[in-house]
Amino acid sequence: MTSQKANINPALLTFSRERIGYDISTIAGKLRVKEESWVQWENGEKKPTLNQLVSIAKLLDRTPAFFYLNQLPEEEKPLSEFRTVNNKE
C-alpha cells in the first residue's frame, strides 16, 4: 500500500528551510531522506507523503497547513540573536 502524497506548494518548502537557516544536506539528514528527494520536493518534481509533511512541519517550525498556501507569506526577517558577533549569523 502506498502512502498518500501531500499536494503542497513546493516554494513554501524552500522559503521555510531558508528562513530557519538549514541547507539541503542538513534538512535531508534530519528527515533521514536523500538530498535528491528533498531537491525534487522543492522543485515540485515529487511530493512528500503526509507523514513526511508532518515531520517537515515540526522541523521547520510551521504547521502542515502552511505548506498548502498558494503564495509566500509576507514575513519580516527574524531578529538576530543577541549572542552574535557584529550582528552576523
C-alpha atoms as a PDB file:
ATOM      1  CA  MET A   1       0.000   0.000   0.000  1.00  0.00           C
ATOM      2  CA  THR A   2       1.400   3.380  -0.975  1.00  0.00           C
ATOM      3  CA  SER A   3       1.303   6.419   1.259  1.00  0.00           C
ATOM      4  CA  GLN A   4      -0.787   9.365   0.204  1.00  0.00           C
ATOM      5  CA  LYS A   5       1.216  12.263  -1.215  1.00  0.00           C
ATOM      6  CA  ALA A   6       0.819  15.798   0.106  1.00  0.00           C
ATOM      7  CA  ASN A   7      -0.087  18.212  -2.710  1.00  0.00           C
ATOM      8  CA  ILE A   8       1.841  21.127  -1.233  1.00  0.00           C
ATOM      9  CA  ASN A   9       3.289  24.318  -2.676  1.00  0.00           C
ATOM     10  CA  PRO A  10       6.998  23.488  -3.192  1.00  0.00           C
ATOM     11  CA  ALA A  11       8.067  27.141  -2.943  1.00  0.00           C
ATOM     12  CA  LEU A  12       6.999  27.082   0.697  1.00  0.00           C
ATOM     13  CA  LEU A  13       9.484  24.289   1.428  1.00  0.00           C
ATOM     14  CA  THR A  14      12.340  26.416   0.147  1.00  0.00           C
ATOM     15  CA  PHE A  15      11.025  29.523   1.920  1.00  0.00           C
ATOM     16  CA  SER A  16      10.704  27.738   5.276  1.00  0.00           C
ATOM     17  CA  ARG A  17      14.030  25.915   5.009  1.00  0.00           C
ATOM     18  CA  GLU A  18      15.923  29.104   4.186  1.00  0.00           C
ATOM     19  CA  ARG A  19      14.055  31.071   6.857  1.00  0.00           C
ATOM     20  CA  ILE A  20      15.152  28.655   9.587  1.00  0.00           C
ATOM     21  CA  GLY A  21      18.708  28.571   8.201  1.00  0.00           C
ATOM     22  CA  TYR A  22      19.070  24.949   7.098  1.00  0.00           C
ATOM     23  CA  ASP A  23      20.880  23.918   3.957  1.00  0.00           C
ATOM     24  CA  ILE A  24      19.604  20.976   1.922  1.00  0.00           C
ATOM     25  CA  SER A  25      22.026  18.458   3.393  1.00  0.00           C
ATOM     26  CA  THR A  26      21.059  19.425   6.944  1.00  0.00           C
ATOM     27  CA  ILE A  27      17.294  19.155   6.450  1.00  0.00           C
ATOM     28  CA  ALA A  28      17.622  15.919   4.478  1.00  0.00           C
ATOM     29  CA  GLY A  29      19.762  14.438   7.239  1.00  0.00           C
ATOM     30  CA  LYS A  30      17.301  15.439   9.946  1.00  0.00           C
ATOM     31  CA  LEU A  31      14.425  13.862   7.981  1.00  0.00           C
ATOM     32  CA  ARG A  32      16.511  10.809   7.041  1.00  0.00           C
ATOM     33  CA  VAL A  33      15.799  11.227   3.330  1.00  0.00           C
ATOM     34  CA  LYS A  34      18.170  11.559   0.400  1.00  0.00           C
ATOM     35  CA  GLU A  35      19.195  15.082  -0.567  1.00  0.00           C
ATOM     36  CA  GLU A  36      17.949  14.250  -4.053  1.00  0.00           C
ATOM     37  CA  SER A  37      14.458  13.626  -2.663  1.00  0.00           C
ATOM     38  CA  TRP A  38      14.404  16.990  -0.887  1.00  0.00           C
ATOM     39  CA  VAL A  39      15.550  18.785  -4.052  1.00  0.00           C
ATOM     40  CA  GLN A  40      12.777  17.058  -6.024  1.00  0.00           C
ATOM     41  CA  TRP A  41      10.224  18.197  -3.430  1.00  0.00           C
ATOM     42  CA  GLU A  42      11.476  21.796  -3.603  1.00  0.00           C
ATOM     43  CA  ASN A  43      11.394  21.715  -7.409  1.00  0.00           C
ATOM     44  CA  GLY A  44       7.875  20.273  -7.430  1.00  0.00           C
ATOM     45  CA  GLU A  45       9.006  17.142  -9.294  1.00  0.00           C
ATOM     46  CA  LYS A  46       7.801  14.879  -6.477  1.00  0.00           C
ATOM     47  CA  LYS A  47       5.699  15.298  -3.334  1.00  0.00           C
ATOM     48  CA  PRO A  48       6.398  14.170   0.234  1.00  0.00           C
ATOM     49  CA  THR A  49       3.984  11.811   1.960  1.00  0.00           C
ATOM     50  CA  LEU A  50       1.581  13.143   4.559  1.00  0.00           C
ATOM     51  CA  ASN A  51       3.694  11.597   7.337  1.00  0.00           C
ATOM     52  CA  GLN A  52       6.810  13.250   5.917  1.00  0.00           C
ATOM     53  CA  LEU A  53       4.944  16.569   5.756  1.00  0.00           C
ATOM     54  CA  VAL A  54       4.174  16.374   9.469  1.00  0.00           C
ATOM     55  CA  SER A  55       7.872  15.773  10.196  1.00  0.00           C
ATOM     56  CA  ILE A  56       8.887  18.612   7.868  1.00  0.00           C
ATOM     57  CA  ALA A  57       6.466  20.991   9.568  1.00  0.00           C
ATOM     58  CA  LYS A  58       7.876  20.164  13.013  1.00  0.00           C
ATOM     59  CA  LEU A  59      11.479  20.661  11.884  1.00  0.00           C
ATOM     60  CA  LEU A  60      10.719  23.939  10.125  1.00  0.00           C
ATOM     61  CA  ASP A  61       8.528  25.292  12.950  1.00  0.00           C
ATOM     62  CA  ARG A  62       5.393  25.501  10.794  1.00  0.00           C
ATOM     63  CA  THR A  63       2.003  23.839  10.720  1.00  0.00           C
ATOM     64  CA  PRO A  64       1.339  21.261   7.998  1.00  0.00           C
ATOM     65  CA  ALA A  65      -1.429  23.540   6.661  1.00  0.00           C
ATOM     66  CA  PHE A  66       1.152  26.288   5.989  1.00  0.00           C
ATOM     67  CA  PHE A  67       2.560  24.301   3.069  1.00  0.00           C
ATOM     68  CA  TYR A  68      -0.801  24.410   1.266  1.00  0.00           C
ATOM     69  CA  LEU A  69      -0.813  28.220   0.905  1.00  0.00           C
ATOM     70  CA  ASN A  70      -0.997  29.498  -2.668  1.00  0.00           C
ATOM     71  CA  GLN A  71       1.692  32.126  -2.244  1.00  0.00           C
ATOM     72  CA  LEU A  72       4.590  33.028   0.005  1.00  0.00           C
ATOM     73  CA  PRO A  73       3.622  34.911   3.168  1.00  0.00           C
ATOM     74  CA  GLU A  74       4.921  38.365   3.885  1.00  0.00           C
ATOM     75  CA  GLU A  75       7.092  37.839   6.948  1.00  0.00           C
ATOM     76  CA  GLU A  76       9.717  40.097   8.360  1.00  0.00           C
ATOM     77  CA  LYS A  77      13.128  38.549   8.747  1.00  0.00           C
ATOM     78  CA  PRO A  78      13.567  37.418  12.359  1.00  0.00           C
ATOM     79  CA  LEU A  79      15.863  39.411  14.592  1.00  0.00           C
ATOM     80  CA  SER A  80      19.297  38.000  15.141  1.00  0.00           C
ATOM     81  CA  GLU A  81      20.326  36.569  18.475  1.00  0.00           C
ATOM     82  CA  PHE A  82      21.935  38.901  20.959  1.00  0.00           C
ATOM     83  CA  ARG A  83      24.854  36.484  21.295  1.00  0.00           C
ATOM     84  CA  THR A  84      26.306  37.263  17.886  1.00  0.00           C
ATOM     85  CA  VAL A  85      29.487  38.996  16.886  1.00  0.00           C
ATOM     86  CA  ASN A  86      28.967  42.136  14.813  1.00  0.00           C
ATOM     87  CA  ASN A  87      25.286  41.190  14.422  1.00  0.00           C
ATOM     88  CA  LYS A  88      26.101  38.346  11.995  1.00  0.00           C
ATOM     89  CA  GLU A  89      24.509  34.919  11.974  1.00  0.00           C
END
